[in-house]
Amino acid sequence: MGAFNVAIEGLDTQPIVVLDDSARGRRVRMARHGACVLGIEATIRGRRVELADGHRDAAELAARPGSRFALLAPFANRVADARYRFDGTDHDLMPGVTGAARASRHGFVRDAEFAIAALDADERAASVLLATAIPPQPGYPFALDLAVRYTLAADGLTLEATLRNVGNLAAPAFVGWHPYFRLGDDALASWELAIPAACVIRTDADYIPLPGEAAYQPLAQASALDFRQPRAVGALELNHTYARLHADADGRMRTRLRDTASGIGIAVWQERGVLLAYTGDTLERGARASLALEPMESLPDAFNRPDCADAIRLEPGAARTFRCGVEIETP
């Protein structure tokens, strides 16, 4: 048995994959249902600390309140009025639905049962490869395969999501991740947040980004939302997308969250895209008990944005991978 191991356990009726780093005392649990992370445990000063605010049981996993740690595909966040136009054709994701009920969010795989395609562990890492299909459906006449690899290694947890177009039509498609993090038992208001962004996205009342360049507000003009230098979240209510992220020398764009009292911290990283920060003020359970830091390959409502069209276009037979993850920074 090496430092890293992978096993299958259970959560009521749900099979759970467990990635374990015994050398560092770290453990990640995830469900086949939605390829959803349930827990990220770390040993800090001899005590186990849960860094993930995931679904607590099988019933909550099935109901998915707050979309905790959901994998988002083939789009992340919102599609305005559940309608979009692609290659000259209008599409309606909610045909026959009218009024306020027209709300299409977070893609189609939150309730998918992923197959376990591979389990691997050696002295360097433990990983699981999960796979599902996104078939043609109302408003989305495209066929995709989705493969998701979670890897636990010395630097933390990596997610690699690969979309492959297996149909005969070009498709609009991109992915995102919807994790919620907590840093022990101290209040969210005291946690220190740093986001390496140049802009915050302006939206309308329905959180749809404004058209074109009007969406991009320089943070120099939005001081209340400026986390370019680390500072406490305080009482601020965040449900904002940050764009034009600065990459470190290794190519990773890191958003950092730290509890100054304990020294416990994480870095949520991504290789491209945008980062949505949400303080969970409207959650049914645990409002403002954790902070959602959501790496997304493209903007909310990207299906309707000409400035996102090239980035989200996936030709027949083509594949595209989005990588992101969380590094654990312990005192």
C-alpha atoms as a PDB file:
ATOM      1  CA  MET A   1       0.000   0.000   0.000  1.00  0.00           C
ATOM      2  CA  GLY A   2       1.459   3.358  -1.058  1.00  0.00           C
ATOM      3  CA  ALA A   3       0.977   6.861   0.255  1.00  0.00           C
ATOM      4  CA  PHE A   4      -1.993   7.304  -2.085  1.00  0.00           C
ATOM      5  CA  ASN A   5      -4.968   4.967  -2.266  1.00  0.00           C
ATOM      6  CA  VAL A   6      -8.397   4.837  -3.912  1.00  0.00           C
ATOM      7  CA  ALA A   7     -11.431   2.933  -2.647  1.00  0.00           C
ATOM      8  CA  ILE A   8     -15.183   2.590  -3.109  1.00  0.00           C
ATOM      9  CA  GLU A   9     -17.400   3.240  -0.086  1.00  0.00           C
ATOM     10  CA  GLY A  10     -21.105   3.997   0.350  1.00  0.00           C
ATOM     11  CA  LEU A  11     -23.347   6.886   1.351  1.00  0.00           C
ATOM     12  CA  ASP A  12     -26.713   5.266   2.013  1.00  0.00           C
ATOM     13  CA  THR A  13     -27.527   3.894  -1.457  1.00  0.00           C
ATOM     14  CA  GLN A  14     -24.915   5.998  -3.248  1.00  0.00           C
ATOM     15  CA  PRO A  15     -21.499   4.568  -4.196  1.00  0.00           C
ATOM     16  CA  ILE A  16     -18.733   6.952  -3.132  1.00  0.00           C
ATOM     17  CA  VAL A  17     -15.172   7.116  -4.473  1.00  0.00           C
ATOM     18  CA  VAL A  18     -12.547   7.948  -1.857  1.00  0.00           C
ATOM     19  CA  LEU A  19      -9.104   9.310  -2.755  1.00  0.00           C
ATOM     20  CA  ASP A  20      -6.687   9.118   0.174  1.00  0.00           C
ATOM     21  CA  ASP A  21      -3.282  10.693   0.828  1.00  0.00           C
ATOM     22  CA  SER A  22      -2.186   8.933   4.008  1.00  0.00           C
ATOM     23  CA  ALA A  23       1.196  10.669   4.142  1.00  0.00           C
ATOM     24  CA  ARG A  24      -0.406  14.104   4.476  1.00  0.00           C
ATOM     25  CA  GLY A  25      -3.651  13.051   6.138  1.00  0.00           C
ATOM     26  CA  ARG A  26      -5.893  14.179   3.292  1.00  0.00           C
ATOM     27  CA  ARG A  27      -9.053  12.510   2.022  1.00  0.00           C
ATOM     28  CA  VAL A  28     -11.447  13.427  -0.809  1.00  0.00           C
ATOM     29  CA  ARG A  29     -14.885  11.845  -1.204  1.00  0.00           C
ATOM     30  CA  MET A  30     -17.004  12.104  -4.354  1.00  0.00           C
ATOM     31  CA  ALA A  31     -20.236  10.625  -5.672  1.00  0.00           C
ATOM     32  CA  ARG A  32     -20.935   9.041  -9.028  1.00  0.00           C
ATOM     33  CA  HIS A  33     -24.167  11.071  -8.970  1.00  0.00           C
ATOM     34  CA  GLY A  34     -23.252  14.292 -10.747  1.00  0.00           C
ATOM     35  CA  ALA A  35     -19.518  13.550 -10.312  1.00  0.00           C
ATOM     36  CA  CYS A  36     -19.964  15.668  -7.206  1.00  0.00           C
ATOM     37  CA  VAL A  37     -17.319  16.150  -4.487  1.00  0.00           C
ATOM     38  CA  LEU A  38     -18.761  15.585  -1.008  1.00  0.00           C
ATOM     39  CA  GLY A  39     -15.802  16.219   1.258  1.00  0.00           C
ATOM     40  CA  ILE A  40     -12.182  17.385   1.355  1.00  0.00           C
ATOM     41  CA  GLU A  41     -10.546  16.531   4.670  1.00  0.00           C
ATOM     42  CA  ALA A  42      -7.092  17.677   5.742  1.00  0.00           C
ATOM     43  CA  THR A  43      -5.096  16.968   8.870  1.00  0.00           C
ATOM     44  CA  ILE A  44      -3.885  20.224  10.357  1.00  0.00           C
ATOM     45  CA  ARG A  45      -1.878  20.283  13.582  1.00  0.00           C
ATOM     46  CA  GLY A  46      -3.037  16.779  14.315  1.00  0.00           C
ATOM     47  CA  ARG A  47      -6.745  17.475  13.854  1.00  0.00           C
ATOM     48  CA  ARG A  48      -9.061  16.657  10.965  1.00  0.00           C
ATOM     49  CA  VAL A  49     -10.521  19.724   9.273  1.00  0.00           C
ATOM     50  CA  GLU A  50     -13.297  19.584   6.652  1.00  0.00           C
ATOM     51  CA  LEU A  51     -12.601  22.153   3.937  1.00  0.00           C
ATOM     52  CA  ALA A  52     -15.603  21.333   1.710  1.00  0.00           C
ATOM     53  CA  ASP A  53     -19.191  22.345   2.456  1.00  0.00           C
ATOM     54  CA  GLY A  54     -20.700  19.580   0.350  1.00  0.00           C
ATOM     55  CA  HIS A  55     -23.935  17.627   0.418  1.00  0.00           C
ATOM     56  CA  ARG A  56     -24.322  15.776   3.727  1.00  0.00           C
ATOM     57  CA  ASP A  57     -26.298  12.668   2.734  1.00  0.00           C
ATOM     58  CA  ALA A  58     -27.852  10.807  -0.192  1.00  0.00           C
ATOM     59  CA  ALA A  59     -31.141  12.702   0.073  1.00  0.00           C
ATOM     60  CA  GLU A  60     -29.401  16.056  -0.150  1.00  0.00           C
ATOM     61  CA  LEU A  61     -27.201  14.803  -2.976  1.00  0.00           C
ATOM     62  CA  ALA A  62     -30.326  13.886  -4.951  1.00  0.00           C
ATOM     63  CA  ALA A  63     -32.084  17.200  -4.208  1.00  0.00           C
ATOM     64  CA  ARG A  64     -28.805  19.179  -4.783  1.00  0.00           C
ATOM     65  CA  PRO A  65     -29.741  22.391  -2.903  1.00  0.00           C
ATOM     66  CA  GLY A  66     -27.204  25.089  -3.725  1.00  0.00           C
ATOM     67  CA  SER A  67     -25.569  22.848  -6.368  1.00  0.00           C
ATOM     68  CA  ARG A  68     -22.737  22.217  -3.907  1.00  0.00           C
ATOM     69  CA  PHE A  69     -19.614  21.077  -5.786  1.00  0.00           C
ATOM     70  CA  ALA A  70     -21.690  20.471  -8.922  1.00  0.00           C
ATOM     71  CA  LEU A  71     -19.982  19.901 -12.220  1.00  0.00           C
ATOM     72  CA  LEU A  72     -21.533  22.317 -14.717  1.00  0.00           C
ATOM     73  CA  ALA A  73     -21.837  21.259 -18.385  1.00  0.00           C
ATOM     74  CA  PRO A  74     -22.415  21.987 -21.219  1.00  0.00           C
ATOM     75  CA  PHE A  75     -22.792  25.466 -19.753  1.00  0.00           C
ATOM     76  CA  ALA A  76     -22.156  27.105 -16.402  1.00  0.00           C
ATOM     77  CA  ASN A  77     -24.429  29.523 -14.578  1.00  0.00           C
ATOM     78  CA  ARG A  78     -27.307  31.069 -16.594  1.00  0.00           C
ATOM     79  CA  VAL A  79     -28.677  31.189 -20.117  1.00  0.00           C
ATOM     80  CA  ALA A  80     -30.813  34.330 -20.455  1.00  0.00           C
ATOM     81  CA  ASP A  81     -34.508  33.434 -20.697  1.00  0.00           C
ATOM     82  CA  ALA A  82     -33.367  29.869 -21.483  1.00  0.00           C
ATOM     83  CA  ARG A  83     -32.964  30.909 -25.141  1.00  0.00           C
ATOM     84  CA  TYR A  84     -29.967  31.316 -27.415  1.00  0.00           C
ATOM     85  CA  ARG A  85     -29.044  31.469 -31.091  1.00  0.00           C
ATOM     86  CA  PHE A  86     -26.290  29.304 -32.550  1.00  0.00           C
ATOM     87  CA  ASP A  87     -25.191  29.061 -36.193  1.00  0.00           C
ATOM     88  CA  GLY A  88     -28.291  30.904 -37.329  1.00  0.00           C
ATOM     89  CA  THR A  89     -30.788  28.712 -35.440  1.00  0.00           C
ATOM     90  CA  ASP A  90     -32.835  29.767 -32.430  1.00  0.00           C
ATOM     91  CA  HIS A  91     -32.992  27.309 -29.514  1.00  0.00           C
ATOM     92  CA  ASP A  92     -35.343  27.170 -26.521  1.00  0.00           C
ATOM     93  CA  LEU A  93     -34.132  25.127 -23.543  1.00  0.00           C
ATOM     94  CA  MET A  94     -37.553  25.268 -21.881  1.00  0.00           C
ATOM     95  CA  PRO A  95     -40.175  24.939 -24.639  1.00  0.00           C
ATOM     96  CA  GLY A  96     -43.715  25.586 -23.442  1.00  0.00           C
ATOM     97  CA  VAL A  97     -42.580  27.183 -20.155  1.00  0.00           C
ATOM     98  CA  THR A  98     -43.543  30.813 -19.549  1.00  0.00           C
ATOM     99  CA  GLY A  99     -42.912  33.566 -17.047  1.00  0.00           C
ATOM    100  CA  ALA A 100     -40.620  33.372 -14.018  1.00  0.00           C
ATOM    101  CA  ALA A 101     -40.274  29.602 -14.366  1.00  0.00           C
ATOM    102  CA  ARG A 102     -38.023  30.158 -17.383  1.00  0.00           C
ATOM    103  CA  ALA A 103     -34.653  29.717 -15.692  1.00  0.00           C
ATOM    104  CA  SER A 104     -31.998  27.494 -17.222  1.00  0.00           C
ATOM    105  CA  ARG A 105     -28.915  27.130 -15.035  1.00  0.00           C
ATOM    106  CA  HIS A 106     -25.848  24.996 -14.586  1.00  0.00           C
ATOM    107  CA  GLY A 107     -26.228  22.612 -17.531  1.00  0.00           C
ATOM    108  CA  PHE A 108     -27.574  19.070 -17.662  1.00  0.00           C
ATOM    109  CA  VAL A 109     -25.276  16.754 -15.691  1.00  0.00           C
ATOM    110  CA  ARG A 110     -26.054  17.583 -12.052  1.00  0.00           C
ATOM    111  CA  ASP A 111     -28.385  14.556 -11.956  1.00  0.00           C
ATOM    112  CA  ALA A 112     -26.375  12.298 -14.257  1.00  0.00           C
ATOM    113  CA  GLU A 113     -25.082   8.971 -12.983  1.00  0.00           C
ATOM    114  CA  PHE A 114     -21.448   8.886 -14.044  1.00  0.00           C
ATOM    115  CA  ALA A 115     -19.728   5.588 -14.780  1.00  0.00           C
ATOM    116  CA  ILE A 116     -16.403   4.840 -13.110  1.00  0.00           C
ATOM    117  CA  ALA A 117     -14.081   4.465 -16.091  1.00  0.00           C
ATOM    118  CA  ALA A 118     -10.806   4.067 -14.164  1.00  0.00           C
ATOM    119  CA  LEU A 119      -9.332   4.018 -10.658  1.00  0.00           C
ATOM    120  CA  ASP A 120      -5.600   4.567 -10.178  1.00  0.00           C
ATOM    121  CA  ALA A 121      -3.220   5.021  -7.256  1.00  0.00           C
ATOM    122  CA  ASP A 122       0.564   4.973  -6.898  1.00  0.00           C
ATOM    123  CA  GLU A 123       3.227   6.702  -4.819  1.00  0.00           C
ATOM    124  CA  ARG A 124       2.515  10.065  -6.484  1.00  0.00           C
ATOM    125  CA  ALA A 125      -1.289  10.397  -6.725  1.00  0.00           C
ATOM    126  CA  ALA A 126      -4.716   8.782  -6.558  1.00  0.00           C
ATOM    127  CA  SER A 127      -7.314   9.421  -9.238  1.00  0.00           C
ATOM    128  CA  VAL A 128     -10.722   8.469 -10.562  1.00  0.00           C
ATOM    129  CA  LEU A 129     -12.027   8.917 -14.102  1.00  0.00           C
ATOM    130  CA  LEU A 130     -15.801   9.401 -14.345  1.00  0.00           C
ATOM    131  CA  ALA A 131     -17.728   9.478 -17.627  1.00  0.00           C
ATOM    132  CA  THR A 132     -21.202  10.279 -18.907  1.00  0.00           C
ATOM    133  CA  ALA A 133     -22.966  11.311 -22.114  1.00  0.00           C
ATOM    134  CA  ILE A 134     -24.921  14.492 -22.836  1.00  0.00           C
ATOM    135  CA  PRO A 135     -27.504  13.396 -25.425  1.00  0.00           C
ATOM    136  CA  PRO A 136     -29.523  15.669 -27.730  1.00  0.00           C
ATOM    137  CA  GLN A 137     -32.507  17.125 -25.877  1.00  0.00           C
ATOM    138  CA  PRO A 138     -35.039  19.970 -26.161  1.00  0.00           C
ATOM    139  CA  GLY A 139     -33.196  23.163 -27.003  1.00  0.00           C
ATOM    140  CA  TYR A 140     -29.846  21.398 -27.246  1.00  0.00           C
ATOM    141  CA  PRO A 141     -29.722  19.159 -30.345  1.00  0.00           C
ATOM    142  CA  PHE A 142     -26.063  18.260 -29.842  1.00  0.00           C
ATOM    143  CA  ALA A 143     -24.326  15.076 -28.642  1.00  0.00           C
ATOM    144  CA  LEU A 144     -21.365  15.257 -26.273  1.00  0.00           C
ATOM    145  CA  ASP A 145     -19.318  12.906 -24.140  1.00  0.00           C
ATOM    146  CA  LEU A 146     -18.025  14.222 -20.817  1.00  0.00           C
ATOM    147  CA  ALA A 147     -15.059  12.702 -18.958  1.00  0.00           C
ATOM    148  CA  VAL A 148     -14.006  14.028 -15.561  1.00  0.00           C
ATOM    149  CA  ARG A 149     -10.783  13.044 -13.818  1.00  0.00           C
ATOM    150  CA  TYR A 150     -10.227  13.955 -10.167  1.00  0.00           C
ATOM    151  CA  THR A 151      -6.634  13.572  -8.976  1.00  0.00           C
ATOM    152  CA  LEU A 152      -5.384  13.911  -5.396  1.00  0.00           C
ATOM    153  CA  ALA A 153      -1.646  14.627  -5.284  1.00  0.00           C
ATOM    154  CA  ALA A 154       0.823  16.404  -3.034  1.00  0.00           C
ATOM    155  CA  ASP A 155      -0.391  19.847  -4.115  1.00  0.00           C
ATOM    156  CA  GLY A 156      -4.109  19.102  -3.594  1.00  0.00           C
ATOM    157  CA  LEU A 157      -7.063  18.170  -5.784  1.00  0.00           C
ATOM    158  CA  THR A 158      -7.140  18.629  -9.564  1.00  0.00           C
ATOM    159  CA  LEU A 159     -10.246  18.418 -11.761  1.00  0.00           C
ATOM    160  CA  GLU A 160      -9.870  17.809 -15.510  1.00  0.00           C
ATOM    161  CA  ALA A 161     -13.144  17.963 -17.448  1.00  0.00           C
ATOM    162  CA  THR A 162     -13.066  16.993 -21.125  1.00  0.00           C
ATOM    163  CA  LEU A 163     -15.997  17.620 -23.459  1.00  0.00           C
ATOM    164  CA  ARG A 164     -15.961  15.749 -26.767  1.00  0.00           C
ATOM    165  CA  ASN A 165     -18.401  16.458 -29.590  1.00  0.00           C
ATOM    166  CA  VAL A 166     -19.614  13.048 -30.792  1.00  0.00           C
ATOM    167  CA  GLY A 167     -22.380  14.431 -32.998  1.00  0.00           C
ATOM    168  CA  ASN A 168     -22.399  15.774 -36.540  1.00  0.00           C
ATOM    169  CA  LEU A 169     -23.127  19.413 -35.617  1.00  0.00           C
ATOM    170  CA  ALA A 170     -20.850  22.042 -34.141  1.00  0.00           C
ATOM    171  CA  ALA A 171     -21.995  22.722 -30.558  1.00  0.00           C
ATOM    172  CA  PRO A 172     -21.807  25.503 -27.990  1.00  0.00           C
ATOM    173  CA  ALA A 173     -20.232  23.909 -24.925  1.00  0.00           C
ATOM    174  CA  PHE A 174     -18.139  24.761 -21.880  1.00  0.00           C
ATOM    175  CA  VAL A 175     -17.777  23.649 -18.288  1.00  0.00           C
ATOM    176  CA  GLY A 176     -17.554  25.002 -14.759  1.00  0.00           C
ATOM    177  CA  TRP A 177     -17.250  23.824 -11.168  1.00  0.00           C
ATOM    178  CA  HIS A 178     -19.387  24.963  -8.208  1.00  0.00           C
ATOM    179  CA  PRO A 179     -17.440  24.211  -4.986  1.00  0.00           C
ATOM    180  CA  TYR A 180     -18.148  25.673  -1.534  1.00  0.00           C
ATOM    181  CA  PHE A 181     -15.241  25.997   0.897  1.00  0.00           C
ATOM    182  CA  ARG A 182     -14.990  26.534   4.627  1.00  0.00           C
ATOM    183  CA  LEU A 183     -11.918  27.090   6.789  1.00  0.00           C
ATOM    184  CA  GLY A 184     -12.873  25.537  10.093  1.00  0.00           C
ATOM    185  CA  ASP A 185     -15.461  26.997  12.444  1.00  0.00           C
ATOM    186  CA  ASP A 186     -14.635  30.713  12.290  1.00  0.00           C
ATOM    187  CA  ALA A 187     -17.121  33.028  10.587  1.00  0.00           C
ATOM    188  CA  LEU A 188     -16.870  33.658   6.854  1.00  0.00           C
ATOM    189  CA  ALA A 189     -16.711  37.411   7.512  1.00  0.00           C
ATOM    190  CA  SER A 190     -13.248  37.028   9.024  1.00  0.00           C
ATOM    191  CA  TRP A 191     -11.768  35.031   6.131  1.00  0.00           C
ATOM    192  CA  GLU A 192      -9.322  36.831   3.891  1.00  0.00           C
ATOM    193  CA  LEU A 193     -10.008  36.647   0.152  1.00  0.00           C
ATOM    194  CA  ALA A 194      -7.698  37.476  -2.765  1.00  0.00           C
ATOM    195  CA  ILE A 195      -8.859  37.343  -6.418  1.00  0.00           C
ATOM    196  CA  PRO A 196      -6.268  38.188  -9.118  1.00  0.00           C
ATOM    197  CA  ALA A 197      -8.769  39.832 -11.481  1.00  0.00           C
ATOM    198  CA  ALA A 198      -8.651  43.051 -13.486  1.00  0.00           C
ATOM    199  CA  CYS A 199     -12.442  43.305 -13.902  1.00  0.00           C
ATOM    200  CA  VAL A 200     -15.733  42.403 -12.295  1.00  0.00           C
ATOM    201  CA  ILE A 201     -18.691  41.611 -14.552  1.00  0.00           C
ATOM    202  CA  ARG A 202     -21.620  44.010 -14.563  1.00  0.00           C
ATOM    203  CA  THR A 203     -25.011  42.266 -14.765  1.00  0.00           C
ATOM    204  CA  ASP A 204     -28.697  43.067 -14.896  1.00  0.00           C
ATOM    205  CA  ALA A 205     -31.108  42.216 -12.059  1.00  0.00           C
ATOM    206  CA  ASP A 206     -31.213  38.571 -13.239  1.00  0.00           C
ATOM    207  CA  TYR A 207     -27.410  38.237 -13.078  1.00  0.00           C
ATOM    208  CA  ILE A 208     -27.083  38.236 -16.865  1.00  0.00           C
ATOM    209  CA  PRO A 209     -23.905  40.078 -17.954  1.00  0.00           C
ATOM    210  CA  LEU A 210     -24.420  43.333 -19.827  1.00  0.00           C
ATOM    211  CA  PRO A 211     -23.765  43.182 -23.573  1.00  0.00           C
ATOM    212  CA  GLY A 212     -20.269  43.417 -24.984  1.00  0.00           C
ATOM    213  CA  GLU A 213     -17.528  45.452 -23.351  1.00  0.00           C
ATOM    214  CA  ALA A 214     -20.059  47.140 -21.036  1.00  0.00           C
ATOM    215  CA  ALA A 215     -19.940  43.962 -18.946  1.00  0.00           C
ATOM    216  CA  TYR A 216     -16.303  44.470 -17.958  1.00  0.00           C
ATOM    217  CA  GLN A 217     -15.931  46.954 -15.104  1.00  0.00           C
ATOM    218  CA  PRO A 218     -12.319  47.660 -14.063  1.00  0.00           C
ATOM    219  CA  LEU A 219     -11.876  46.953 -10.376  1.00  0.00           C
ATOM    220  CA  ALA A 220     -10.276  50.363  -9.987  1.00  0.00           C
ATOM    221  CA  GLN A 221     -13.851  51.654 -10.473  1.00  0.00           C
ATOM    222  CA  ALA A 222     -15.446  49.102  -8.099  1.00  0.00           C
ATOM    223  CA  SER A 223     -13.521  49.384  -4.839  1.00  0.00           C
ATOM    224  CA  ALA A 224     -16.150  47.538  -2.761  1.00  0.00           C
ATOM    225  CA  LEU A 225     -15.606  44.426  -4.902  1.00  0.00           C
ATOM    226  CA  ASP A 226     -11.847  44.763  -5.296  1.00  0.00           C
ATOM    227  CA  PHE A 227      -9.929  41.800  -3.846  1.00  0.00           C
ATOM    228  CA  ARG A 228      -6.733  42.260  -5.810  1.00  0.00           C
ATOM    229  CA  GLN A 229      -5.063  42.708  -2.429  1.00  0.00           C
ATOM    230  CA  PRO A 230      -6.104  40.209   0.276  1.00  0.00           C
ATOM    231  CA  ARG A 231      -8.796  41.508   2.620  1.00  0.00           C
ATOM    232  CA  ALA A 232     -11.571  40.192   4.834  1.00  0.00           C
ATOM    233  CA  VAL A 233     -14.890  39.329   3.213  1.00  0.00           C
ATOM    234  CA  GLY A 234     -16.712  41.098   6.048  1.00  0.00           C
ATOM    235  CA  ALA A 235     -20.454  41.651   5.594  1.00  0.00           C
ATOM    236  CA  LEU A 236     -20.168  41.964   1.800  1.00  0.00           C
ATOM    237  CA  GLU A 237     -22.719  39.931  -0.188  1.00  0.00           C
ATOM    238  CA  LEU A 238     -20.945  38.445  -3.178  1.00  0.00           C
ATOM    239  CA  ASN A 239     -22.553  36.894  -6.232  1.00  0.00           C
ATOM    240  CA  HIS A 240     -20.103  38.292  -8.754  1.00  0.00           C
ATOM    241  CA  THR A 241     -18.025  37.034 -11.658  1.00  0.00           C
ATOM    242  CA  TYR A 242     -14.397  38.157 -11.870  1.00  0.00           C
ATOM    243  CA  ALA A 243     -12.676  38.274 -15.258  1.00  0.00           C
ATOM    244  CA  ARG A 244      -9.304  38.866 -16.887  1.00  0.00           C
ATOM    245  CA  LEU A 245      -7.542  36.868 -14.216  1.00  0.00           C
ATOM    246  CA  HIS A 246      -3.780  37.181 -13.769  1.00  0.00           C
ATOM    247  CA  ALA A 247      -1.779  33.946 -13.994  1.00  0.00           C
ATOM    248  CA  ASP A 248       1.194  33.066 -11.835  1.00  0.00           C
ATOM    249  CA  ALA A 249       4.477  32.000 -13.431  1.00  0.00           C
ATOM    250  CA  ASP A 250       3.309  28.362 -13.640  1.00  0.00           C
ATOM    251  CA  GLY A 251       0.212  29.350 -15.657  1.00  0.00           C
ATOM    252  CA  ARG A 252      -2.276  28.858 -12.821  1.00  0.00           C
ATOM    253  CA  MET A 253      -4.661  31.667 -11.902  1.00  0.00           C
ATOM    254  CA  ARG A 254      -5.070  31.419  -8.122  1.00  0.00           C
ATOM    255  CA  THR A 255      -7.902  32.774  -5.997  1.00  0.00           C
ATOM    256  CA  ARG A 256      -6.896  32.507  -2.347  1.00  0.00           C
ATOM    257  CA  LEU A 257      -8.975  32.147   0.816  1.00  0.00           C
ATOM    258  CA  ARG A 258      -7.342  32.228   4.252  1.00  0.00           C
ATOM    259  CA  ASP A 259      -8.397  32.200   7.892  1.00  0.00           C
ATOM    260  CA  THR A 260      -5.947  34.614   9.489  1.00  0.00           C
ATOM    261  CA  ALA A 261      -6.674  33.266  12.992  1.00  0.00           C
ATOM    262  CA  SER A 262      -5.723  29.655  12.247  1.00  0.00           C
ATOM    263  CA  GLY A 263      -3.514  30.155   9.207  1.00  0.00           C
ATOM    264  CA  ILE A 264      -5.535  27.586   7.238  1.00  0.00           C
ATOM    265  CA  GLY A 265      -5.914  28.491   3.589  1.00  0.00           C
ATOM    266  CA  ILE A 266      -6.737  27.218   0.119  1.00  0.00           C
ATOM    267  CA  ALA A 267      -5.988  28.369  -3.397  1.00  0.00           C
ATOM    268  CA  VAL A 268      -8.594  27.683  -6.080  1.00  0.00           C
ATOM    269  CA  TRP A 269      -6.777  27.603  -9.396  1.00  0.00           C
ATOM    270  CA  GLN A 270      -7.688  27.476 -13.064  1.00  0.00           C
ATOM    271  CA  GLU A 271      -5.818  27.765 -16.341  1.00  0.00           C
ATOM    272  CA  ARG A 272      -8.273  30.111 -18.083  1.00  0.00           C
ATOM    273  CA  GLY A 273     -11.781  31.515 -17.813  1.00  0.00           C
ATOM    274  CA  VAL A 274     -13.495  33.464 -15.070  1.00  0.00           C
ATOM    275  CA  LEU A 275     -14.130  33.032 -11.333  1.00  0.00           C
ATOM    276  CA  LEU A 276     -17.516  33.515  -9.651  1.00  0.00           C
ATOM    277  CA  ALA A 277     -17.503  34.263  -5.899  1.00  0.00           C
ATOM    278  CA  TYR A 278     -20.723  33.691  -3.930  1.00  0.00           C
ATOM    279  CA  THR A 279     -21.177  34.152  -0.189  1.00  0.00           C
ATOM    280  CA  GLY A 280     -24.207  31.852  -0.095  1.00  0.00           C
ATOM    281  CA  ASP A 281     -26.610  34.390   1.359  1.00  0.00           C
ATOM    282  CA  THR A 282     -29.677  32.628  -0.072  1.00  0.00           C
ATOM    283  CA  LEU A 283     -28.701  29.011   0.677  1.00  0.00           C
ATOM    284  CA  GLU A 284     -31.393  26.861   2.268  1.00  0.00           C
ATOM    285  CA  ARG A 285     -28.822  25.403   4.656  1.00  0.00           C
ATOM    286  CA  GLY A 286     -25.812  27.150   6.086  1.00  0.00           C
ATOM    287  CA  ALA A 287     -26.209  30.632   4.620  1.00  0.00           C
ATOM    288  CA  ARG A 288     -22.843  32.445   4.799  1.00  0.00           C
ATOM    289  CA  ALA A 289     -21.237  29.406   6.422  1.00  0.00           C
ATOM    290  CA  SER A 290     -18.998  28.812   3.405  1.00  0.00           C
ATOM    291  CA  LEU A 291     -17.797  30.612   0.291  1.00  0.00           C
ATOM    292  CA  ALA A 292     -18.398  29.380  -3.253  1.00  0.00           C
ATOM    293  CA  LEU A 293     -15.387  29.975  -5.501  1.00  0.00           C
ATOM    294  CA  GLU A 294     -16.452  28.778  -8.942  1.00  0.00           C
ATOM    295  CA  PRO A 295     -13.941  28.411 -11.805  1.00  0.00           C
ATOM    296  CA  MET A 296     -15.771  28.624 -15.130  1.00  0.00           C
ATOM    297  CA  GLU A 297     -14.426  28.234 -18.631  1.00  0.00           C
ATOM    298  CA  SER A 298     -16.500  31.162 -19.881  1.00  0.00           C
ATOM    299  CA  LEU A 299     -18.941  33.859 -18.753  1.00  0.00           C
ATOM    300  CA  PRO A 300     -22.509  33.326 -17.605  1.00  0.00           C
ATOM    301  CA  ASP A 301     -24.838  33.491 -20.647  1.00  0.00           C
ATOM    302  CA  ALA A 302     -21.870  32.706 -22.908  1.00  0.00           C
ATOM    303  CA  PHE A 303     -24.242  31.032 -25.393  1.00  0.00           C
ATOM    304  CA  ASN A 304     -25.635  34.505 -26.169  1.00  0.00           C
ATOM    305  CA  ARG A 305     -22.371  36.463 -26.241  1.00  0.00           C
ATOM    306  CA  PRO A 306     -20.509  37.074 -29.529  1.00  0.00           C
ATOM    307  CA  ASP A 307     -17.342  37.764 -27.517  1.00  0.00           C
ATOM    308  CA  CYS A 308     -17.479  34.168 -26.156  1.00  0.00           C
ATOM    309  CA  ALA A 309     -18.504  32.426 -29.399  1.00  0.00           C
ATOM    310  CA  ASP A 310     -15.058  31.227 -30.486  1.00  0.00           C
ATOM    311  CA  ALA A 311     -14.069  30.007 -27.015  1.00  0.00           C
ATOM    312  CA  ILE A 312     -17.159  27.825 -26.526  1.00  0.00           C
ATOM    313  CA  ARG A 313     -17.519  26.450 -30.056  1.00  0.00           C
ATOM    314  CA  LEU A 314     -16.808  22.713 -30.312  1.00  0.00           C
ATOM    315  CA  GLU A 315     -16.627  21.209 -33.789  1.00  0.00           C
ATOM    316  CA  PRO A 316     -17.721  17.617 -34.560  1.00  0.00           C
ATOM    317  CA  GLY A 317     -15.050  15.183 -33.394  1.00  0.00           C
ATOM    318  CA  ALA A 318     -13.210  17.845 -31.407  1.00  0.00           C
ATOM    319  CA  ALA A 319     -12.522  17.785 -27.680  1.00  0.00           C
ATOM    320  CA  ARG A 320     -11.570  20.461 -25.153  1.00  0.00           C
ATOM    321  CA  THR A 321     -10.311  20.105 -21.568  1.00  0.00           C
ATOM    322  CA  PHE A 322     -10.758  22.550 -18.690  1.00  0.00           C
ATOM    323  CA  ARG A 323      -8.449  22.160 -15.696  1.00  0.00           C
ATOM    324  CA  CYS A 324      -8.926  23.629 -12.267  1.00  0.00           C
ATOM    325  CA  GLY A 325      -8.478  22.560  -8.681  1.00  0.00           C
ATOM    326  CA  VAL A 326      -7.764  23.427  -5.074  1.00  0.00           C
ATOM    327  CA  GLU A 327      -4.411  23.613  -3.363  1.00  0.00           C
ATOM    328  CA  ILE A 328      -4.362  23.205   0.422  1.00  0.00           C
ATOM    329  CA  GLU A 329      -2.215  25.744   2.230  1.00  0.00           C
ATOM    330  CA  THR A 330      -1.757  24.754   5.886  1.00  0.00           C
ATOM    331  CA  PRO A 331       0.207  26.563   8.607  1.00  0.00           C
END
